[in-house]
Amino acid sequence: MNVNLGPVFDEFVSDLLTSGLYQSQSEILREGLRLLKEREDLKRLRLADLRKEIALGAAQADHGKLMNGPEVFAGIRQKSSRRKRTKTPT
């Protein structure tokens, strides 16, 4: 496989090899692909969980188990305001 990474990634790979953290370009590529696969797998799991939560909410709504929207949003705004007030300046 021949891959053109471009100058930025070529330099990055070269720096990693020089540092001794990796022994070959293939090792670096495998590590990058492993991390990318992990991220994609996590996104897939989060999306599946979100779909389950949406289905649960839709089922609850179908059964009349609804929350008062204005009350919910007022609670969210209160929590947000408290966080902003307790946040320390950097």
PDB file of N, CA and C in Angstrom:
ATOM      1  N   MET A   1       0.848  -1.169   0.000  1.00  0.00           N
ATOM      2  CA  MET A   1       0.000   0.000   0.000  1.00  0.00           C
ATOM      3  C   MET A   1       0.896   1.236   0.000  1.00  0.00           C
ATOM      4  N   ASN A   2       0.569   2.146  -0.861  1.00  0.00           N
ATOM      5  CA  ASN A   2       1.306   3.396  -0.932  1.00  0.00           C
ATOM      6  C   ASN A   2       0.353   4.512  -0.539  1.00  0.00           C
ATOM      7  N   VAL A   3       0.710   5.267   0.491  1.00  0.00           N
ATOM      8  CA  VAL A   3      -0.168   6.310   1.004  1.00  0.00           C
ATOM      9  C   VAL A   3       0.571   7.643   0.994  1.00  0.00           C
ATOM     10  N   ASN A   4      -0.071   8.656   0.437  1.00  0.00           N
ATOM     11  CA  ASN A   4       0.484  10.003   0.459  1.00  0.00           C
ATOM     12  C   ASN A   4      -0.153  10.751   1.627  1.00  0.00           C
ATOM     13  N   LEU A   5       0.642  11.061   2.646  1.00  0.00           N
ATOM     14  CA  LEU A   5       0.123  11.699   3.855  1.00  0.00           C
ATOM     15  C   LEU A   5       0.164  13.218   3.783  1.00  0.00           C
ATOM     16  N   GLY A   6       0.963  13.750   2.915  1.00  0.00           N
ATOM     17  CA  GLY A   6       1.133  15.197   2.856  1.00  0.00           C
ATOM     18  C   GLY A   6       2.257  15.625   3.786  1.00  0.00           C
ATOM     19  N   PRO A   7       2.746  16.841   3.606  1.00  0.00           N
ATOM     20  CA  PRO A   7       3.939  17.279   4.341  1.00  0.00           C
ATOM     21  C   PRO A   7       3.762  17.335   5.860  1.00  0.00           C
ATOM     22  N   VAL A   8       2.603  17.726   6.327  1.00  0.00           N
ATOM     23  CA  VAL A   8       2.398  17.848   7.782  1.00  0.00           C
ATOM     24  C   VAL A   8       2.490  16.481   8.452  1.00  0.00           C
ATOM     25  N   PHE A   9       1.771  15.495   7.891  1.00  0.00           N
ATOM     26  CA  PHE A   9       1.795  14.161   8.493  1.00  0.00           C
ATOM     27  C   PHE A   9       3.117  13.448   8.233  1.00  0.00           C
ATOM     28  N   ASP A  10       3.744  13.714   7.083  1.00  0.00           N
ATOM     29  CA  ASP A  10       5.068  13.134   6.828  1.00  0.00           C
ATOM     30  C   ASP A  10       6.046  13.567   7.921  1.00  0.00           C
ATOM     31  N   GLU A  11       6.017  14.852   8.251  1.00  0.00           N
ATOM     32  CA  GLU A  11       6.913  15.373   9.295  1.00  0.00           C
ATOM     33  C   GLU A  11       6.558  14.784  10.660  1.00  0.00           C
ATOM     34  N   PHE A  12       5.263  14.661  10.929  1.00  0.00           N
ATOM     35  CA  PHE A  12       4.816  14.082  12.196  1.00  0.00           C
ATOM     36  C   PHE A  12       5.311  12.648  12.343  1.00  0.00           C
ATOM     37  N   VAL A  13       5.151  11.853  11.288  1.00  0.00           N
ATOM     38  CA  VAL A  13       5.617  10.460  11.304  1.00  0.00           C
ATOM     39  C   VAL A  13       7.130  10.427  11.491  1.00  0.00           C
ATOM     40  N   SER A  14       7.837  11.282  10.790  1.00  0.00           N
ATOM     41  CA  SER A  14       9.293  11.335  10.919  1.00  0.00           C
ATOM     42  C   SER A  14       9.704  11.669  12.352  1.00  0.00           C
ATOM     43  N   ASP A  15       9.016  12.633  12.965  1.00  0.00           N
ATOM     44  CA  ASP A  15       9.318  13.003  14.355  1.00  0.00           C
ATOM     45  C   ASP A  15       9.067  11.840  15.311  1.00  0.00           C
ATOM     46  N   LEU A  16       7.984  11.104  15.077  1.00  0.00           N
ATOM     47  CA  LEU A  16       7.687   9.949  15.936  1.00  0.00           C
ATOM     48  C   LEU A  16       8.760   8.872  15.801  1.00  0.00           C
ATOM     49  N   LEU A  17       9.220   8.646  14.593  1.00  0.00           N
ATOM     50  CA  LEU A  17      10.277   7.656  14.371  1.00  0.00           C
ATOM     51  C   LEU A  17      11.580   8.109  15.034  1.00  0.00           C
ATOM     52  N   THR A  18      11.901   9.391  14.892  1.00  0.00           N
ATOM     53  CA  THR A  18      13.122   9.941  15.485  1.00  0.00           C
ATOM     54  C   THR A  18      13.087   9.849  17.004  1.00  0.00           C
ATOM     55  N   SER A  19      11.893  10.023  17.575  1.00  0.00           N
ATOM     56  CA  SER A  19      11.764   9.992  19.036  1.00  0.00           C
ATOM     57  C   SER A  19      11.990   8.589  19.598  1.00  0.00           C
ATOM     58  N   GLY A  20      11.860   7.581  18.743  1.00  0.00           N
ATOM     59  CA  GLY A  20      12.026   6.208  19.201  1.00  0.00           C
ATOM     60  C   GLY A  20      10.754   5.591  19.759  1.00  0.00           C
ATOM     61  N   LEU A  21       9.659   6.349  19.757  1.00  0.00           N
ATOM     62  CA  LEU A  21       8.390   5.811  20.268  1.00  0.00           C
ATOM     63  C   LEU A  21       7.854   4.692  19.381  1.00  0.00           C
ATOM     64  N   TYR A  22       8.176   4.777  18.091  1.00  0.00           N
ATOM     65  CA  TYR A  22       7.719   3.769  17.139  1.00  0.00           C
ATOM     66  C   TYR A  22       8.914   3.306  16.320  1.00  0.00           C
ATOM     67  N   GLN A  23       8.852   2.067  15.864  1.00  0.00           N
ATOM     68  CA  GLN A  23       9.969   1.480  15.128  1.00  0.00           C
ATOM     69  C   GLN A  23       9.798   1.543  13.613  1.00  0.00           C
ATOM     70  N   SER A  24       8.551   1.761  13.158  1.00  0.00           N
ATOM     71  CA  SER A  24       8.334   1.798  11.709  1.00  0.00           C
ATOM     72  C   SER A  24       7.113   2.652  11.375  1.00  0.00           C
ATOM     73  N   GLN A  25       7.037   3.041  10.123  1.00  0.00           N
ATOM     74  CA  GLN A  25       5.873   3.785   9.647  1.00  0.00           C
ATOM     75  C   GLN A  25       4.618   2.928   9.757  1.00  0.00           C
ATOM     76  N   SER A  26       4.749   1.642   9.496  1.00  0.00           N
ATOM     77  CA  SER A  26       3.607   0.738   9.582  1.00  0.00           C
ATOM     78  C   SER A  26       3.053   0.688  11.006  1.00  0.00           C
ATOM     79  N   GLU A  27       3.948   0.676  11.973  1.00  0.00           N
ATOM     80  CA  GLU A  27       3.518   0.657  13.372  1.00  0.00           C
ATOM     81  C   GLU A  27       2.724   1.925  13.704  1.00  0.00           C
ATOM     82  N   ILE A  28       3.167   3.060  13.206  1.00  0.00           N
ATOM     83  CA  ILE A  28       2.479   4.331  13.438  1.00  0.00           C
ATOM     84  C   ILE A  28       1.108   4.307  12.774  1.00  0.00           C
ATOM     85  N   LEU A  29       1.048   3.839  11.551  1.00  0.00           N
ATOM     86  CA  LEU A  29      -0.215   3.767  10.825  1.00  0.00           C
ATOM     87  C   LEU A  29      -1.194   2.827  11.521  1.00  0.00           C
ATOM     88  N   ARG A  30      -0.724   1.675  11.970  1.00  0.00           N
ATOM     89  CA  ARG A  30      -1.601   0.734  12.689  1.00  0.00           C
ATOM     90  C   ARG A  30      -2.162   1.367  13.957  1.00  0.00           C
ATOM     91  N   GLU A  31      -1.302   2.087  14.700  1.00  0.00           N
ATOM     92  CA  GLU A  31      -1.753   2.750  15.927  1.00  0.00           C
ATOM     93  C   GLU A  31      -2.812   3.803  15.608  1.00  0.00           C
ATOM     94  N   GLY A  32      -2.577   4.587  14.561  1.00  0.00           N
ATOM     95  CA  GLY A  32      -3.556   5.603  14.166  1.00  0.00           C
ATOM     96  C   GLY A  32      -4.877   4.981  13.749  1.00  0.00           C
ATOM     97  N   LEU A  33      -4.806   3.906  12.987  1.00  0.00           N
ATOM     98  CA  LEU A  33      -6.034   3.229  12.555  1.00  0.00           C
ATOM     99  C   LEU A  33      -6.755   2.571  13.730  1.00  0.00           C
ATOM    100  N   ARG A  34      -5.988   2.037  14.697  1.00  0.00           N
ATOM    101  CA  ARG A  34      -6.609   1.446  15.888  1.00  0.00           C
ATOM    102  C   ARG A  34      -7.394   2.511  16.650  1.00  0.00           C
ATOM    103  N   LEU A  35      -6.788   3.691  16.817  1.00  0.00           N
ATOM    104  CA  LEU A  35      -7.459   4.781  17.517  1.00  0.00           C
ATOM    105  C   LEU A  35      -8.694   5.259  16.749  1.00  0.00           C
ATOM    106  N   LEU A  36      -8.578   5.345  15.424  1.00  0.00           N
ATOM    107  CA  LEU A  36      -9.719   5.738  14.604  1.00  0.00           C
ATOM    108  C   LEU A  36     -10.850   4.719  14.716  1.00  0.00           C
ATOM    109  N   LYS A  37     -10.507   3.434  14.711  1.00  0.00           N
ATOM    110  CA  LYS A  37     -11.524   2.382  14.850  1.00  0.00           C
ATOM    111  C   LYS A  37     -12.207   2.474  16.211  1.00  0.00           C
ATOM    112  N   GLU A  38     -11.419   2.712  17.268  1.00  0.00           N
ATOM    113  CA  GLU A  38     -11.985   2.883  18.613  1.00  0.00           C
ATOM    114  C   GLU A  38     -12.993   4.020  18.625  1.00  0.00           C
ATOM    115  N   ARG A  39     -12.612   5.144  18.025  1.00  0.00           N
ATOM    116  CA  ARG A  39     -13.493   6.311  18.001  1.00  0.00           C
ATOM    117  C   ARG A  39     -14.772   6.011  17.227  1.00  0.00           C
ATOM    118  N   GLU A  40     -14.645   5.353  16.085  1.00  0.00           N
ATOM    119  CA  GLU A  40     -15.819   5.028  15.280  1.00  0.00           C
ATOM    120  C   GLU A  40     -16.726   4.029  16.011  1.00  0.00           C
ATOM    121  N   ASP A  41     -16.127   3.046  16.684  1.00  0.00           N
ATOM    122  CA  ASP A  41     -16.914   2.084  17.457  1.00  0.00           C
ATOM    123  C   ASP A  41     -17.675   2.780  18.578  1.00  0.00           C
ATOM    124  N   LEU A  42     -17.013   3.713  19.247  1.00  0.00           N
ATOM    125  CA  LEU A  42     -17.654   4.457  20.324  1.00  0.00           C
ATOM    126  C   LEU A  42     -18.801   5.306  19.788  1.00  0.00           C
ATOM    127  N   LYS A  43     -18.598   5.949  18.642  1.00  0.00           N
ATOM    128  CA  LYS A  43     -19.679   6.738  18.035  1.00  0.00           C
ATOM    129  C   LYS A  43     -20.872   5.844  17.707  1.00  0.00           C
ATOM    130  N   ARG A  44     -20.603   4.657  17.191  1.00  0.00           N
ATOM    131  CA  ARG A  44     -21.669   3.714  16.851  1.00  0.00           C
ATOM    132  C   ARG A  44     -22.450   3.307  18.098  1.00  0.00           C
ATOM    133  N   LEU A  45     -21.723   3.035  19.194  1.00  0.00           N
ATOM    134  CA  LEU A  45     -22.383   2.658  20.447  1.00  0.00           C
ATOM    135  C   LEU A  45     -23.222   3.803  20.998  1.00  0.00           C
ATOM    136  N   ARG A  46     -22.677   5.012  20.959  1.00  0.00           N
ATOM    137  CA  ARG A  46     -23.424   6.182  21.449  1.00  0.00           C
ATOM    138  C   ARG A  46     -24.675   6.418  20.624  1.00  0.00           C
ATOM    139  N   LEU A  47     -24.566   6.250  19.313  1.00  0.00           N
ATOM    140  CA  LEU A  47     -25.724   6.422  18.443  1.00  0.00           C
ATOM    141  C   LEU A  47     -26.787   5.368  18.744  1.00  0.00           C
ATOM    142  N   ALA A  48     -26.373   4.122  18.968  1.00  0.00           N
ATOM    143  CA  ALA A  48     -27.320   3.067  19.315  1.00  0.00           C
ATOM    144  C   ALA A  48     -28.014   3.380  20.640  1.00  0.00           C
ATOM    145  N   ASP A  49     -27.250   3.857  21.630  1.00  0.00           N
ATOM    146  CA  ASP A  49     -27.838   4.237  22.914  1.00  0.00           C
ATOM    147  C   ASP A  49     -28.824   5.389  22.745  1.00  0.00           C
ATOM    148  N   LEU A  50     -28.453   6.369  21.937  1.00  0.00           N
ATOM    149  CA  LEU A  50     -29.332   7.507  21.703  1.00  0.00           C
ATOM    150  C   LEU A  50     -30.633   7.054  21.048  1.00  0.00           C
ATOM    151  N   ARG A  51     -30.527   6.151  20.090  1.00  0.00           N
ATOM    152  CA  ARG A  51     -31.735   5.640  19.431  1.00  0.00           C
ATOM    153  C   ARG A  51     -32.632   4.897  20.419  1.00  0.00           C
ATOM    154  N   LYS A  52     -32.025   4.141  21.344  1.00  0.00           N
ATOM    155  CA  LYS A  52     -32.814   3.451  22.376  1.00  0.00           C
ATOM    156  C   LYS A  52     -33.531   4.455  23.261  1.00  0.00           C
ATOM    157  N   GLU A  53     -32.813   5.523  23.659  1.00  0.00           N
ATOM    158  CA  GLU A  53     -33.414   6.552  24.513  1.00  0.00           C
ATOM    159  C   GLU A  53     -34.558   7.263  23.789  1.00  0.00           C
ATOM    160  N   ILE A  54     -34.384   7.528  22.503  1.00  0.00           N
ATOM    161  CA  ILE A  54     -35.442   8.171  21.729  1.00  0.00           C
ATOM    162  C   ILE A  54     -36.658   7.255  21.637  1.00  0.00           C
ATOM    163  N   ALA A  55     -36.419   5.969  21.391  1.00  0.00           N
ATOM    164  CA  ALA A  55     -37.531   5.010  21.317  1.00  0.00           C
ATOM    165  C   ALA A  55     -38.255   4.926  22.657  1.00  0.00           C
ATOM    166  N   LEU A  56     -37.499   4.923  23.747  1.00  0.00           N
ATOM    167  CA  LEU A  56     -38.100   4.887  25.074  1.00  0.00           C
ATOM    168  C   LEU A  56     -38.948   6.137  25.311  1.00  0.00           C
ATOM    169  N   GLY A  57     -38.400   7.296  24.973  1.00  0.00           N
ATOM    170  CA  GLY A  57     -39.142   8.548  25.130  1.00  0.00           C
ATOM    171  C   GLY A  57     -40.402   8.572  24.287  1.00  0.00           C
ATOM    172  N   ALA A  58     -40.316   8.078  23.065  1.00  0.00           N
ATOM    173  CA  ALA A  58     -41.495   8.033  22.190  1.00  0.00           C
ATOM    174  C   ALA A  58     -42.553   7.109  22.769  1.00  0.00           C
ATOM    175  N   ALA A  59     -42.125   5.965  23.303  1.00  0.00           N
ATOM    176  CA  ALA A  59     -43.077   5.029  23.918  1.00  0.00           C
ATOM    177  C   ALA A  59     -43.733   5.658  25.144  1.00  0.00           C
ATOM    178  N   GLN A  60     -42.938   6.351  25.961  1.00  0.00           N
ATOM    179  CA  GLN A  60     -43.503   7.022  27.138  1.00  0.00           C
ATOM    180  C   GLN A  60     -44.495   8.099  26.714  1.00  0.00           C
ATOM    181  N   ALA A  61     -44.163   8.847  25.677  1.00  0.00           N
ATOM    182  CA  ALA A  61     -45.078   9.883  25.184  1.00  0.00           C
ATOM    183  C   ALA A  61     -46.366   9.263  24.674  1.00  0.00           C
ATOM    184  N   ASP A  62     -46.252   8.128  23.990  1.00  0.00           N
ATOM    185  CA  ASP A  62     -47.444   7.432  23.497  1.00  0.00           C
ATOM    186  C   ASP A  62     -48.360   7.012  24.634  1.00  0.00           C
ATOM    187  N   HIS A  63     -47.775   6.759  25.805  1.00  0.00           N
ATOM    188  CA  HIS A  63     -48.559   6.350  26.980  1.00  0.00           C
ATOM    189  C   HIS A  63     -48.933   7.538  27.869  1.00  0.00           C
ATOM    190  N   GLY A  64     -48.690   8.740  27.378  1.00  0.00           N
ATOM    191  CA  GLY A  64     -49.068   9.936  28.112  1.00  0.00           C
ATOM    192  C   GLY A  64     -48.109  10.328  29.217  1.00  0.00           C
ATOM    193  N   LYS A  65     -46.956   9.697  29.286  1.00  0.00           N
ATOM    194  CA  LYS A  65     -45.962  10.019  30.318  1.00  0.00           C
ATOM    195  C   LYS A  65     -45.062  11.137  29.792  1.00  0.00           C
ATOM    196  N   LEU A  66     -45.555  12.348  29.911  1.00  0.00           N
ATOM    197  CA  LEU A  66     -44.845  13.502  29.382  1.00  0.00           C
ATOM    198  C   LEU A  66     -44.376  14.405  30.515  1.00  0.00           C
ATOM    199  N   MET A  67     -43.380  15.203  30.226  1.00  0.00           N
ATOM    200  CA  MET A  67     -42.889  16.178  31.198  1.00  0.00           C
ATOM    201  C   MET A  67     -43.326  17.565  30.736  1.00  0.00           C
ATOM    202  N   ASN A  68     -43.442  18.467  31.681  1.00  0.00           N
ATOM    203  CA  ASN A  68     -43.809  19.835  31.379  1.00  0.00           C
ATOM    204  C   ASN A  68     -42.574  20.539  30.809  1.00  0.00           C
ATOM    205  N   GLY A  69     -42.612  20.862  29.525  1.00  0.00           N
ATOM    206  CA  GLY A  69     -41.471  21.454  28.841  1.00  0.00           C
ATOM    207  C   GLY A  69     -40.945  22.726  29.486  1.00  0.00           C
ATOM    208  N   PRO A  70     -41.814  23.711  29.737  1.00  0.00           N
ATOM    209  CA  PRO A  70     -41.312  24.947  30.356  1.00  0.00           C
ATOM    210  C   PRO A  70     -40.634  24.702  31.712  1.00  0.00           C
ATOM    211  N   GLU A  71     -41.161  23.777  32.505  1.00  0.00           N
ATOM    212  CA  GLU A  71     -40.534  23.473  33.800  1.00  0.00           C
ATOM    213  C   GLU A  71     -39.152  22.837  33.607  1.00  0.00           C
ATOM    214  N   VAL A  72     -39.057  21.918  32.663  1.00  0.00           N
ATOM    215  CA  VAL A  72     -37.779  21.249  32.397  1.00  0.00           C
ATOM    216  C   VAL A  72     -36.727  22.267  31.962  1.00  0.00           C
ATOM    217  N   PHE A  73     -37.093  23.137  31.019  1.00  0.00           N
ATOM    218  CA  PHE A  73     -36.134  24.128  30.529  1.00  0.00           C
ATOM    219  C   PHE A  73     -35.776  25.146  31.607  1.00  0.00           C
ATOM    220  N   ALA A  74     -36.730  25.497  32.467  1.00  0.00           N
ATOM    221  CA  ALA A  74     -36.421  26.409  33.571  1.00  0.00           C
ATOM    222  C   ALA A  74     -35.385  25.775  34.500  1.00  0.00           C
ATOM    223  N   GLY A  75     -35.532  24.466  34.778  1.00  0.00           N
ATOM    224  CA  GLY A  75     -34.560  23.751  35.607  1.00  0.00           C
ATOM    225  C   GLY A  75     -33.180  23.722  34.971  1.00  0.00           C
ATOM    226  N   ILE A  76     -33.136  23.524  33.672  1.00  0.00           N
ATOM    227  CA  ILE A  76     -31.856  23.506  32.954  1.00  0.00           C
ATOM    228  C   ILE A  76     -31.201  24.880  33.040  1.00  0.00           C
ATOM    229  N   ARG A  77     -31.997  25.938  32.851  1.00  0.00           N
ATOM    230  CA  ARG A  77     -31.441  27.293  32.930  1.00  0.00           C
ATOM    231  C   ARG A  77     -30.910  27.585  34.328  1.00  0.00           C
ATOM    232  N   GLN A  78     -31.616  27.133  35.366  1.00  0.00           N
ATOM    233  CA  GLN A  78     -31.154  27.352  36.738  1.00  0.00           C
ATOM    234  C   GLN A  78     -29.821  26.653  36.986  1.00  0.00           C
ATOM    235  N   LYS A  79     -29.711  25.405  36.550  1.00  0.00           N
ATOM    236  CA  LYS A  79     -28.459  24.670  36.726  1.00  0.00           C
ATOM    237  C   LYS A  79     -27.317  25.356  35.982  1.00  0.00           C
ATOM    238  N   SER A  80     -27.603  25.823  34.782  1.00  0.00           N
ATOM    239  CA  SER A  80     -26.588  26.512  33.994  1.00  0.00           C
ATOM    240  C   SER A  80     -26.147  27.795  34.685  1.00  0.00           C
ATOM    241  N   SER A  81     -27.095  28.542  35.215  1.00  0.00           N
ATOM    242  CA  SER A  81     -26.755  29.790  35.920  1.00  0.00           C
ATOM    243  C   SER A  81     -25.900  29.512  37.145  1.00  0.00           C
ATOM    244  N   ARG A  82     -26.232  28.466  37.899  1.00  0.00           N
ATOM    245  CA  ARG A  82     -25.446  28.109  39.088  1.00  0.00           C
ATOM    246  C   ARG A  82     -24.023  27.743  38.691  1.00  0.00           C
ATOM    247  N   ARG A  83     -23.865  26.987  37.627  1.00  0.00           N
ATOM    248  CA  ARG A  83     -22.530  26.609  37.168  1.00  0.00           C
ATOM    249  C   ARG A  83     -21.715  27.817  36.757  1.00  0.00           C
ATOM    250  N   LYS A  84     -22.368  28.746  36.053  1.00  0.00           N
ATOM    251  CA  LYS A  84     -21.662  29.947  35.608  1.00  0.00           C
ATOM    252  C   LYS A  84     -21.228  30.788  36.812  1.00  0.00           C
ATOM    253  N   ARG A  85     -22.069  30.865  37.854  1.00  0.00           N
ATOM    254  CA  ARG A  85     -21.725  31.661  39.025  1.00  0.00           C
ATOM    255  C   ARG A  85     -20.603  31.025  39.830  1.00  0.00           C
ATOM    256  N   THR A  86     -20.541  29.700  39.888  1.00  0.00           N
ATOM    257  CA  THR A  86     -19.528  29.028  40.691  1.00  0.00           C
ATOM    258  C   THR A  86     -18.234  28.786  39.924  1.00  0.00           C
ATOM    259  N   LYS A  87     -18.235  29.031  38.634  1.00  0.00           N
ATOM    260  CA  LYS A  87     -17.049  28.843  37.813  1.00  0.00           C
ATOM    261  C   LYS A  87     -16.002  29.880  38.201  1.00  0.00           C
ATOM    262  N   THR A  88     -14.776  29.416  38.421  1.00  0.00           N
ATOM    263  CA  THR A  88     -13.704  30.340  38.798  1.00  0.00           C
ATOM    264  C   THR A  88     -13.035  30.883  37.557  1.00  0.00           C
ATOM    265  N   PRO A  89     -12.704  32.176  37.552  1.00  0.00           N
ATOM    266  CA  PRO A  89     -12.023  32.752  36.368  1.00  0.00           C
ATOM    267  C   PRO A  89     -10.611  32.186  36.238  1.00  0.00           C
ATOM    268  N   THR A  90     -10.170  32.043  34.987  1.00  0.00           N
ATOM    269  CA  THR A  90      -8.824  31.515  34.739  1.00  0.00           C
ATOM    270  C   THR A  90      -7.876  32.587  34.315  1.00  0.00           C
TER     271      THR A  90
END
